[in-house]
Amino acid sequence: MSGKKLVYLPAVIVASLGMFLPLLYGAVPFVRRLLGSDPLPKSLALMLLGWAVAYFTYEEGGKELTAS
């Protein structure tokens, strides 16, 4: 595995977790304590940071396909 892929996979997981934190806020007490009284800006920041890191570490895999 390349270094970029090792960073890309956790970044995608963090970004997807950031998307669902507002939904988990009401059901999971740990998330309520983690995010405090205003969860939306914190979850948006986490999501945007994760997607930005994933965007810059993404690399195309495999060989390029050409029409023959």
C-alpha atoms as a PDB file:
ATOM      1  CA  MET A   1       0.000   0.000   0.000  1.00  0.00           C
ATOM      2  CA  SER A   2       1.263   3.421  -0.845  1.00  0.00           C
ATOM      3  CA  GLY A   3       1.477   6.242   1.663  1.00  0.00           C
ATOM      4  CA  LYS A   4      -1.295   8.203  -0.024  1.00  0.00           C
ATOM      5  CA  LYS A   5      -3.688   5.276   0.216  1.00  0.00           C
ATOM      6  CA  LEU A   6      -2.921   4.882   3.922  1.00  0.00           C
ATOM      7  CA  VAL A   7      -3.995   8.516   4.426  1.00  0.00           C
ATOM      8  CA  TYR A   8      -6.915   8.374   1.979  1.00  0.00           C
ATOM      9  CA  LEU A   9      -8.857   5.551   3.651  1.00  0.00           C
ATOM     10  CA  PRO A  10      -8.999   7.094   7.153  1.00  0.00           C
ATOM     11  CA  ALA A  11      -9.804  10.497   5.615  1.00  0.00           C
ATOM     12  CA  VAL A  12     -12.863   9.052   3.882  1.00  0.00           C
ATOM     13  CA  ILE A  13     -13.939   7.377   7.115  1.00  0.00           C
ATOM     14  CA  VAL A  14     -13.544  10.642   9.050  1.00  0.00           C
ATOM     15  CA  ALA A  15     -15.502  12.552   6.400  1.00  0.00           C
ATOM     16  CA  SER A  16     -18.349  10.053   6.430  1.00  0.00           C
ATOM     17  CA  LEU A  17     -18.380  10.078  10.235  1.00  0.00           C
ATOM     18  CA  GLY A  18     -18.652  13.872  10.116  1.00  0.00           C
ATOM     19  CA  MET A  19     -21.708  13.549   7.896  1.00  0.00           C
ATOM     20  CA  PHE A  20     -23.506  11.340  10.411  1.00  0.00           C
ATOM     21  CA  LEU A  21     -22.466  13.029  13.662  1.00  0.00           C
ATOM     22  CA  PRO A  22     -25.594  15.220  13.826  1.00  0.00           C
ATOM     23  CA  LEU A  23     -27.725  12.078  13.539  1.00  0.00           C
ATOM     24  CA  LEU A  24     -25.749  10.299  16.240  1.00  0.00           C
ATOM     25  CA  TYR A  25     -25.872  13.376  18.484  1.00  0.00           C
ATOM     26  CA  GLY A  26     -29.276  12.502  19.929  1.00  0.00           C
ATOM     27  CA  ALA A  27     -28.670   8.795  20.361  1.00  0.00           C
ATOM     28  CA  VAL A  28     -25.112   8.441  21.631  1.00  0.00           C
ATOM     29  CA  PRO A  29     -24.162  10.212  24.891  1.00  0.00           C
ATOM     30  CA  PHE A  30     -20.425  10.130  24.038  1.00  0.00           C
ATOM     31  CA  VAL A  31     -21.061  12.132  20.850  1.00  0.00           C
ATOM     32  CA  ARG A  32     -23.111  14.664  22.839  1.00  0.00           C
ATOM     33  CA  ARG A  33     -20.207  15.195  25.237  1.00  0.00           C
ATOM     34  CA  LEU A  34     -17.702  15.310  22.365  1.00  0.00           C
ATOM     35  CA  LEU A  35     -19.540  17.917  20.289  1.00  0.00           C
ATOM     36  CA  GLY A  36     -20.936  20.043  23.112  1.00  0.00           C
ATOM     37  CA  SER A  37     -23.921  22.342  22.706  1.00  0.00           C
ATOM     38  CA  ASP A  38     -23.485  23.282  19.027  1.00  0.00           C
ATOM     39  CA  PRO A  39     -22.778  20.125  16.983  1.00  0.00           C
ATOM     40  CA  LEU A  40     -23.395  21.373  13.448  1.00  0.00           C
ATOM     41  CA  PRO A  41     -20.304  23.607  12.934  1.00  0.00           C
ATOM     42  CA  LYS A  42     -18.026  20.987  14.478  1.00  0.00           C
ATOM     43  CA  SER A  43     -19.403  18.179  12.341  1.00  0.00           C
ATOM     44  CA  LEU A  44     -19.197  20.350   9.201  1.00  0.00           C
ATOM     45  CA  ALA A  45     -15.575  21.213   9.963  1.00  0.00           C
ATOM     46  CA  LEU A  46     -14.743  17.542  10.520  1.00  0.00           C
ATOM     47  CA  MET A  47     -16.496  16.564   7.300  1.00  0.00           C
ATOM     48  CA  LEU A  48     -14.810  19.268   5.201  1.00  0.00           C
ATOM     49  CA  LEU A  49     -11.391  18.489   6.643  1.00  0.00           C
ATOM     50  CA  GLY A  50     -11.828  14.786   5.910  1.00  0.00           C
ATOM     51  CA  TRP A  51     -13.007  15.370   2.352  1.00  0.00           C
ATOM     52  CA  ALA A  52     -10.201  17.863   1.667  1.00  0.00           C
ATOM     53  CA  VAL A  53      -7.552  15.401   2.837  1.00  0.00           C
ATOM     54  CA  ALA A  54      -9.212  12.610   0.841  1.00  0.00           C
ATOM     55  CA  TYR A  55      -9.367  14.803  -2.264  1.00  0.00           C
ATOM     56  CA  PHE A  56      -5.687  15.679  -2.159  1.00  0.00           C
ATOM     57  CA  THR A  57      -4.518  12.128  -1.392  1.00  0.00           C
ATOM     58  CA  TYR A  58      -6.672  10.348  -3.985  1.00  0.00           C
ATOM     59  CA  GLU A  59      -4.794   8.594  -6.741  1.00  0.00           C
ATOM     60  CA  GLU A  60      -6.192   6.675  -9.666  1.00  0.00           C
ATOM     61  CA  GLY A  61      -5.488   2.977  -9.443  1.00  0.00           C
ATOM     62  CA  GLY A  62      -4.755   0.509 -12.186  1.00  0.00           C
ATOM     63  CA  LYS A  63      -3.749   1.009 -15.756  1.00  0.00           C
ATOM     64  CA  GLU A  64      -5.368   3.480 -18.068  1.00  0.00           C
ATOM     65  CA  LEU A  65      -7.819   1.980 -20.495  1.00  0.00           C
ATOM     66  CA  THR A  66      -7.474   2.918 -24.127  1.00  0.00           C
ATOM     67  CA  ALA A  67      -9.789   2.288 -27.031  1.00  0.00           C
ATOM     68  CA  SER A  68      -8.375  -0.242 -29.438  1.00  0.00           C
END
